[in-house]
Amino acid sequence: YWRYYYLRGITYALFLHQEEAARQDFVTGSRLPGAPVFLARLASRKLALNNPQLALEFLKEMITAATDENQRNALVDRYQKILRELNPTPPQPTSAPQEQP
């Protein structure tokens, strides 16, 4: 049951400061039937802190398994956000440089 893993993961993260255990519980819980999309997003955030590539792989799996279009869209948004964080675009100059006489 996903709630068990969610609550235990919160306990690990907030009270025991055991990030790896929290991450594992969030991932496990998010894969269970009926798990809400927020749990997958939370798991991906925890994964992205240490291993963004693993977070992307996890999100691909969750996107493929999503049966609800709104959930799929939320997961795609998170996937794209991690991609942007990994590959930020350089800032574009706002105007052309002025030539010195």
N, C-alpha and C. Protein backbone atom coordinates (compact mmCIF):
# COMPACT_ATOMS: atom_id res chain seq x y z
N TYR A 1 0.84 -1.18 0.00
CA TYR A 1 0.00 0.00 0.00
C TYR A 1 0.89 1.25 0.00
N TRP A 2 0.66 2.15 -0.94
CA TRP A 2 1.56 3.27 -1.17
C TRP A 2 1.65 4.23 0.02
N ARG A 3 0.58 4.39 0.78
CA ARG A 3 0.60 5.34 1.90
C ARG A 3 1.63 4.96 2.96
N TYR A 4 1.80 3.68 3.17
CA TYR A 4 2.80 3.22 4.13
C TYR A 4 4.18 3.73 3.72
N TYR A 5 4.53 3.54 2.45
CA TYR A 5 5.85 3.97 1.97
C TYR A 5 5.99 5.50 1.99
N TYR A 6 4.90 6.17 1.68
CA TYR A 6 4.93 7.64 1.72
C TYR A 6 5.18 8.12 3.15
N LEU A 7 4.42 7.63 4.10
CA LEU A 7 4.56 8.08 5.48
C LEU A 7 5.92 7.70 6.06
N ARG A 8 6.38 6.50 5.75
CA ARG A 8 7.69 6.10 6.25
C ARG A 8 8.78 6.94 5.59
N GLY A 9 8.63 7.23 4.31
CA GLY A 9 9.60 8.07 3.61
C GLY A 9 9.66 9.47 4.21
N ILE A 10 8.51 10.03 4.54
CA ILE A 10 8.46 11.35 5.19
C ILE A 10 9.17 11.29 6.54
N THR A 11 8.93 10.23 7.28
CA THR A 11 9.59 10.08 8.58
C THR A 11 11.10 10.02 8.42
N TYR A 12 11.55 9.22 7.45
CA TYR A 12 13.00 9.13 7.19
C TYR A 12 13.57 10.49 6.81
N ALA A 13 12.87 11.20 5.94
CA ALA A 13 13.41 12.47 5.42
C ALA A 13 13.38 13.58 6.47
N LEU A 14 12.25 13.76 7.12
CA LEU A 14 12.08 14.92 7.99
C LEU A 14 12.59 14.73 9.41
N PHE A 15 12.44 13.53 9.94
CA PHE A 15 12.75 13.34 11.34
C PHE A 15 14.06 12.59 11.59
N LEU A 16 14.35 11.63 10.73
CA LEU A 16 15.55 10.82 10.93
C LEU A 16 16.72 11.24 10.05
N HIS A 17 16.45 12.13 9.09
CA HIS A 17 17.46 12.66 8.17
C HIS A 17 18.21 11.54 7.44
N GLN A 18 17.46 10.54 7.03
CA GLN A 18 18.01 9.42 6.26
C GLN A 18 17.47 9.53 4.83
N GLU A 19 18.16 10.33 4.04
CA GLU A 19 17.68 10.65 2.69
C GLU A 19 17.60 9.43 1.78
N GLU A 20 18.57 8.54 1.87
CA GLU A 20 18.56 7.35 0.99
C GLU A 20 17.36 6.46 1.30
N ALA A 21 17.06 6.25 2.57
CA ALA A 21 15.91 5.44 2.94
C ALA A 21 14.61 6.10 2.49
N ALA A 22 14.53 7.42 2.63
CA ALA A 22 13.34 8.15 2.18
C ALA A 22 13.17 8.00 0.67
N ARG A 23 14.26 8.16 -0.04
CA ARG A 23 14.23 8.05 -1.51
C ARG A 23 13.72 6.67 -1.93
N GLN A 24 14.23 5.63 -1.29
CA GLN A 24 13.82 4.26 -1.63
C GLN A 24 12.33 4.06 -1.36
N ASP A 25 11.85 4.57 -0.24
CA ASP A 25 10.42 4.41 0.07
C ASP A 25 9.54 5.19 -0.91
N PHE A 26 9.94 6.38 -1.28
CA PHE A 26 9.14 7.16 -2.23
C PHE A 26 9.08 6.47 -3.59
N VAL A 27 10.20 5.93 -4.03
CA VAL A 27 10.22 5.22 -5.31
C VAL A 27 9.35 3.96 -5.24
N THR A 28 9.52 3.18 -4.18
CA THR A 28 8.73 1.96 -4.03
C THR A 28 7.24 2.28 -3.96
N GLY A 29 6.87 3.24 -3.14
CA GLY A 29 5.46 3.61 -3.01
C GLY A 29 4.85 4.13 -4.29
N SER A 30 5.62 4.89 -5.06
CA SER A 30 5.07 5.47 -6.28
C SER A 30 4.80 4.43 -7.35
N ARG A 31 5.40 3.26 -7.25
CA ARG A 31 5.19 2.20 -8.23
C ARG A 31 3.99 1.31 -7.89
N LEU A 32 3.40 1.50 -6.73
CA LEU A 32 2.27 0.67 -6.32
C LEU A 32 0.96 1.15 -6.94
N PRO A 33 0.02 0.23 -7.15
CA PRO A 33 -1.27 0.62 -7.73
C PRO A 33 -1.97 1.68 -6.88
N GLY A 34 -2.54 2.66 -7.55
CA GLY A 34 -3.29 3.71 -6.87
C GLY A 34 -2.45 4.83 -6.30
N ALA A 35 -1.12 4.75 -6.44
CA ALA A 35 -0.26 5.81 -5.90
C ALA A 35 -0.51 7.12 -6.65
N PRO A 36 -0.61 8.22 -5.93
CA PRO A 36 -0.84 9.50 -6.59
C PRO A 36 0.43 10.00 -7.29
N VAL A 37 0.22 10.87 -8.26
CA VAL A 37 1.34 11.37 -9.05
C VAL A 37 2.31 12.18 -8.19
N PHE A 38 1.82 12.82 -7.13
CA PHE A 38 2.73 13.62 -6.30
C PHE A 38 3.84 12.76 -5.69
N LEU A 39 3.55 11.48 -5.45
CA LEU A 39 4.55 10.62 -4.86
C LEU A 39 5.67 10.33 -5.86
N ALA A 40 5.32 10.14 -7.12
CA ALA A 40 6.34 9.96 -8.16
C ALA A 40 7.16 11.23 -8.34
N ARG A 41 6.50 12.37 -8.27
CA ARG A 41 7.23 13.63 -8.39
C ARG A 41 8.17 13.83 -7.21
N LEU A 42 7.71 13.48 -6.03
CA LEU A 42 8.56 13.57 -4.84
C LEU A 42 9.76 12.62 -4.96
N ALA A 43 9.50 11.42 -5.41
CA ALA A 43 10.59 10.45 -5.61
C ALA A 43 11.60 10.99 -6.63
N SER A 44 11.11 11.59 -7.71
CA SER A 44 12.02 12.11 -8.73
C SER A 44 12.85 13.27 -8.20
N ARG A 45 12.26 14.09 -7.33
CA ARG A 45 13.03 15.19 -6.73
C ARG A 45 14.16 14.65 -5.87
N LYS A 46 13.83 13.65 -5.07
CA LYS A 46 14.85 13.06 -4.20
C LYS A 46 15.95 12.40 -5.03
N LEU A 47 15.56 11.70 -6.10
CA LEU A 47 16.55 11.07 -6.97
C LEU A 47 17.42 12.11 -7.67
N ALA A 48 16.81 13.19 -8.10
CA ALA A 48 17.54 14.22 -8.86
C ALA A 48 18.60 14.91 -8.02
N LEU A 49 18.45 14.91 -6.71
CA LEU A 49 19.43 15.56 -5.85
C LEU A 49 20.81 14.92 -6.01
N ASN A 50 20.85 13.61 -6.12
CA ASN A 50 22.12 12.90 -6.20
C ASN A 50 22.40 12.32 -7.57
N ASN A 51 21.36 11.99 -8.32
CA ASN A 51 21.55 11.31 -9.59
C ASN A 51 20.45 11.70 -10.57
N PRO A 52 20.63 12.83 -11.26
CA PRO A 52 19.60 13.29 -12.18
C PRO A 52 19.28 12.28 -13.29
N GLN A 53 20.28 11.54 -13.76
CA GLN A 53 20.03 10.56 -14.81
C GLN A 53 19.11 9.45 -14.31
N LEU A 54 19.30 9.02 -13.08
CA LEU A 54 18.43 8.01 -12.50
C LEU A 54 17.01 8.55 -12.36
N ALA A 55 16.89 9.81 -11.99
CA ALA A 55 15.58 10.44 -11.88
C ALA A 55 14.88 10.45 -13.24
N LEU A 56 15.63 10.74 -14.31
CA LEU A 56 15.04 10.75 -15.64
C LEU A 56 14.57 9.34 -16.04
N GLU A 57 15.37 8.34 -15.75
CA GLU A 57 14.98 6.97 -16.06
C GLU A 57 13.72 6.57 -15.29
N PHE A 58 13.68 6.94 -14.02
CA PHE A 58 12.51 6.65 -13.19
C PHE A 58 11.27 7.34 -13.77
N LEU A 59 11.41 8.60 -14.15
CA LEU A 59 10.27 9.32 -14.70
C LEU A 59 9.81 8.74 -16.03
N LYS A 60 10.74 8.29 -16.86
CA LYS A 60 10.35 7.64 -18.12
C LYS A 60 9.46 6.43 -17.83
N GLU A 61 9.88 5.64 -16.85
CA GLU A 61 9.10 4.46 -16.46
C GLU A 61 7.71 4.87 -15.98
N MET A 62 7.65 5.90 -15.14
CA MET A 62 6.37 6.33 -14.60
C MET A 62 5.48 6.94 -15.68
N ILE A 63 6.07 7.67 -16.62
CA ILE A 63 5.29 8.26 -17.72
C ILE A 63 4.69 7.16 -18.57
N THR A 64 5.46 6.14 -18.85
CA THR A 64 4.97 5.02 -19.65
C THR A 64 3.83 4.29 -18.95
N ALA A 65 3.93 4.15 -17.65
CA ALA A 65 2.93 3.41 -16.88
C ALA A 65 1.69 4.24 -16.54
N ALA A 66 1.77 5.56 -16.68
CA ALA A 66 0.65 6.42 -16.29
C ALA A 66 -0.57 6.15 -17.16
N THR A 67 -1.72 6.00 -16.52
CA THR A 67 -2.95 5.77 -17.27
C THR A 67 -3.82 7.01 -17.33
N ASP A 68 -3.56 7.96 -16.48
CA ASP A 68 -4.31 9.21 -16.45
C ASP A 68 -3.52 10.29 -17.17
N GLU A 69 -4.18 11.00 -18.06
CA GLU A 69 -3.50 12.03 -18.86
C GLU A 69 -2.96 13.17 -17.99
N ASN A 70 -3.70 13.56 -16.96
CA ASN A 70 -3.22 14.62 -16.07
C ASN A 70 -1.97 14.19 -15.31
N GLN A 71 -1.96 12.95 -14.86
CA GLN A 71 -0.78 12.44 -14.17
C GLN A 71 0.41 12.38 -15.12
N ARG A 72 0.15 11.91 -16.34
CA ARG A 72 1.23 11.83 -17.33
C ARG A 72 1.80 13.23 -17.60
N ASN A 73 0.93 14.21 -17.74
CA ASN A 73 1.39 15.58 -17.99
C ASN A 73 2.23 16.12 -16.84
N ALA A 74 1.83 15.83 -15.61
CA ALA A 74 2.60 16.28 -14.44
C ALA A 74 3.98 15.64 -14.43
N LEU A 75 4.04 14.36 -14.78
CA LEU A 75 5.33 13.66 -14.80
C LEU A 75 6.20 14.18 -15.94
N VAL A 76 5.61 14.46 -17.08
CA VAL A 76 6.36 15.01 -18.22
C VAL A 76 6.91 16.39 -17.84
N ASP A 77 6.13 17.20 -17.15
CA ASP A 77 6.61 18.51 -16.70
C ASP A 77 7.84 18.36 -15.81
N ARG A 78 7.79 17.42 -14.88
CA ARG A 78 8.93 17.19 -13.99
C ARG A 78 10.15 16.70 -14.77
N TYR A 79 9.91 15.81 -15.73
CA TYR A 79 10.98 15.29 -16.58
C TYR A 79 11.66 16.43 -17.33
N GLN A 80 10.86 17.30 -17.92
CA GLN A 80 11.40 18.43 -18.67
C GLN A 80 12.15 19.41 -17.77
N LYS A 81 11.68 19.58 -16.54
CA LYS A 81 12.37 20.47 -15.61
C LYS A 81 13.76 19.93 -15.29
N ILE A 82 13.87 18.64 -15.06
CA ILE A 82 15.19 18.06 -14.78
C ILE A 82 16.10 18.21 -15.99
N LEU A 83 15.55 17.99 -17.19
CA LEU A 83 16.35 18.17 -18.40
C LEU A 83 16.87 19.60 -18.51
N ARG A 84 16.01 20.57 -18.21
CA ARG A 84 16.45 21.98 -18.27
C ARG A 84 17.53 22.26 -17.24
N GLU A 85 17.43 21.65 -16.08
CA GLU A 85 18.45 21.83 -15.05
C GLU A 85 19.78 21.22 -15.47
N LEU A 86 19.72 20.11 -16.20
CA LEU A 86 20.94 19.46 -16.67
C LEU A 86 21.57 20.18 -17.86
N ASN A 87 20.73 20.78 -18.69
CA ASN A 87 21.20 21.44 -19.92
C ASN A 87 20.68 22.86 -20.00
N PRO A 88 21.12 23.71 -19.09
CA PRO A 88 20.61 25.09 -19.13
C PRO A 88 21.09 25.79 -20.40
N THR A 89 20.23 26.61 -20.96
CA THR A 89 20.62 27.37 -22.13
C THR A 89 21.35 28.62 -21.67
N PRO A 90 22.43 28.97 -22.36
CA PRO A 90 23.17 30.17 -21.95
C PRO A 90 22.31 31.41 -22.18
N PRO A 91 22.47 32.40 -21.34
CA PRO A 91 21.68 33.62 -21.52
C PRO A 91 22.04 34.31 -22.84
N GLN A 92 21.03 34.81 -23.50
CA GLN A 92 21.22 35.51 -24.76
C GLN A 92 21.41 37.00 -24.47
N PRO A 93 22.33 37.64 -25.20
CA PRO A 93 22.50 39.08 -24.99
C PRO A 93 21.22 39.81 -25.38
N THR A 94 20.92 40.85 -24.62
CA THR A 94 19.69 41.59 -24.88
C THR A 94 19.87 42.59 -26.02
N SER A 95 21.08 43.01 -26.26
CA SER A 95 21.32 43.92 -27.39
C SER A 95 22.70 43.66 -27.93
N ALA A 96 22.94 44.13 -29.14
CA ALA A 96 24.24 43.95 -29.78
C ALA A 96 25.27 44.81 -29.07
N PRO A 97 26.50 44.31 -28.95
CA PRO A 97 27.54 45.12 -28.31
C PRO A 97 27.81 46.38 -29.12
N GLN A 98 28.06 47.46 -28.42
CA GLN A 98 28.35 48.73 -29.08
C GLN A 98 29.83 48.78 -29.45
N GLU A 99 30.08 49.26 -30.67
CA GLU A 99 31.48 49.42 -31.09
C GLU A 99 32.05 50.69 -30.50
N GLN A 100 33.30 50.61 -30.11
CA GLN A 100 34.01 51.78 -29.58
C GLN A 100 34.64 52.51 -30.76
N PRO A 101 34.52 53.86 -30.83
CA PRO A 101 35.17 54.60 -31.94
C PRO A 101 36.66 54.67 -31.81
